[in-house]
C-alpha atoms as a PDB file:
ATOM      1  CA  MET A   1     -10.173  29.246 -24.392  1.00  0.00           C
ATOM      2  CA  ALA A   2      -7.666  28.101 -21.801  1.00  0.00           C
ATOM      3  CA  THR A   3      -7.088  30.193 -18.709  1.00  0.00           C
ATOM      4  CA  THR A   4      -3.959  30.539 -16.644  1.00  0.00           C
ATOM      5  CA  GLU A   5      -3.963  31.159 -12.912  1.00  0.00           C
ATOM      6  CA  LEU A   6      -2.316  34.426 -11.948  1.00  0.00           C
ATOM      7  CA  PRO A   7       0.631  33.869  -9.574  1.00  0.00           C
ATOM      8  CA  ALA A   8      -0.199  35.126  -6.080  1.00  0.00           C
ATOM      9  CA  ASN A   9       2.914  37.322  -5.941  1.00  0.00           C
ATOM     10  CA  LEU A  10       1.622  39.333  -8.951  1.00  0.00           C
ATOM     11  CA  ARG A  11      -2.062  39.639  -8.050  1.00  0.00           C
ATOM     12  CA  ALA A  12      -1.874  42.941  -6.120  1.00  0.00           C
ATOM     13  CA  ASP A  13       0.151  44.664  -8.855  1.00  0.00           C
ATOM     14  CA  VAL A  14      -2.140  43.355 -11.602  1.00  0.00           C
ATOM     15  CA  GLU A  15      -5.246  44.506  -9.714  1.00  0.00           C
ATOM     16  CA  THR A  16      -3.716  47.975  -9.280  1.00  0.00           C
ATOM     17  CA  LEU A  17      -2.967  48.196 -13.000  1.00  0.00           C
ATOM     18  CA  TRP A  18      -6.449  46.913 -13.901  1.00  0.00           C
ATOM     19  CA  ALA A  19      -8.113  49.483 -11.624  1.00  0.00           C
ATOM     20  CA  TYR A  20      -6.034  52.236 -13.244  1.00  0.00           C
ATOM     21  CA  HIS A  21      -7.089  51.266 -16.775  1.00  0.00           C
ATOM     22  CA  ASP A  22     -10.724  50.384 -16.000  1.00  0.00           C
ATOM     23  CA  MET A  23     -12.666  53.549 -16.780  1.00  0.00           C
ATOM     24  CA  GLY A  24     -16.005  51.996 -15.869  1.00  0.00           C
ATOM     25  CA  HIS A  25     -17.624  52.966 -19.172  1.00  0.00           C
ATOM     26  CA  GLN A  26     -20.704  51.073 -20.279  1.00  0.00           C
ATOM     27  CA  PRO A  27     -20.737  49.999 -23.956  1.00  0.00           C
ATOM     28  CA  HIS A  28     -23.112  51.964 -26.173  1.00  0.00           C
ATOM     29  CA  ARG A  29     -23.910  52.139 -29.877  1.00  0.00           C
ATOM     30  CA  CYS A  30     -21.279  53.779 -32.084  1.00  0.00           C
ATOM     31  CA  ASP A  31     -20.433  54.080 -35.792  1.00  0.00           C
ATOM     32  CA  VAL A  32     -17.312  51.880 -35.742  1.00  0.00           C
ATOM     33  CA  GLY A  33     -15.849  49.528 -33.135  1.00  0.00           C
ATOM     34  CA  ILE A  34     -12.039  49.702 -32.966  1.00  0.00           C
ATOM     35  CA  GLY A  35      -9.903  47.066 -31.267  1.00  0.00           C
ATOM     36  CA  LEU A  36      -6.564  48.693 -30.524  1.00  0.00           C
ATOM     37  CA  GLY A  37      -3.544  46.545 -31.353  1.00  0.00           C
ATOM     38  CA  SER A  38      -2.515  44.005 -28.784  1.00  0.00           C
ATOM     39  CA  HIS A  39      -0.944  40.576 -28.558  1.00  0.00           C
ATOM     40  CA  ASP A  40      -3.780  39.707 -26.152  1.00  0.00           C
ATOM     41  CA  LEU A  41      -6.432  37.795 -28.136  1.00  0.00           C
ATOM     42  CA  GLY A  42      -8.949  38.921 -25.525  1.00  0.00           C
ATOM     43  CA  VAL A  43      -8.971  42.367 -27.165  1.00  0.00           C
ATOM     44  CA  ALA A  44     -10.100  40.940 -30.522  1.00  0.00           C
ATOM     45  CA  ILE A  45     -12.595  38.617 -28.835  1.00  0.00           C
ATOM     46  CA  HIS A  46     -14.132  41.447 -26.805  1.00  0.00           C
ATOM     47  CA  THR A  47     -14.343  43.696 -29.885  1.00  0.00           C
ATOM     48  CA  ALA A  48     -16.063  40.884 -31.822  1.00  0.00           C
ATOM     49  CA  ARG A  49     -18.540  40.290 -28.982  1.00  0.00           C
ATOM     50  CA  LEU A  50     -19.480  43.975 -28.876  1.00  0.00           C
ATOM     51  CA  TYR A  51     -20.000  43.846 -32.653  1.00  0.00           C
ATOM     52  CA  GLN A  52     -22.168  40.728 -32.332  1.00  0.00           C
ATOM     53  CA  GLN A  53     -24.231  42.481 -29.646  1.00  0.00           C
ATOM     54  CA  GLY A  54     -25.010  45.255 -32.143  1.00  0.00           C
ATOM     55  CA  CYS A  55     -22.869  48.005 -30.632  1.00  0.00           C
ATOM     56  CA  SER A  56     -21.631  49.004 -34.093  1.00  0.00           C
ATOM     57  CA  PRO A  57     -22.447  48.169 -37.717  1.00  0.00           C
ATOM     58  CA  THR A  58     -18.759  47.591 -38.471  1.00  0.00           C
ATOM     59  CA  ARG A  59     -15.511  46.961 -36.652  1.00  0.00           C
ATOM     60  CA  THR A  60     -11.789  47.087 -37.300  1.00  0.00           C
ATOM     61  CA  SER A  61      -8.601  46.256 -35.441  1.00  0.00           C
ATOM     62  CA  THR A  62      -5.174  47.822 -35.488  1.00  0.00           C
ATOM     63  CA  ARG A  63      -1.971  45.838 -35.530  1.00  0.00           C
ATOM     64  CA  PRO A  64      -0.044  45.151 -32.323  1.00  0.00           C
ATOM     65  CA  ARG A  65       3.064  46.886 -33.669  1.00  0.00           C
ATOM     66  CA  SER A  66       4.161  49.272 -36.386  1.00  0.00           C
ATOM     67  CA  CYS A  67       5.394  47.881 -39.679  1.00  0.00           C
END
């Protein structure tokens, strides 16, 4: 997967937003893994990796927008 360098003028704001959303939770086993809708493919990839690591016997994803 290609990566894009974050412009320097945005880094501080992005780090603030990341710190706000990062709850510091450690993954643990659950009944269903749910990837909440996003246009960021990283969400689906991360959900799939957790599934492959055995965190849940099944997984699902929501859509990025209402229909």
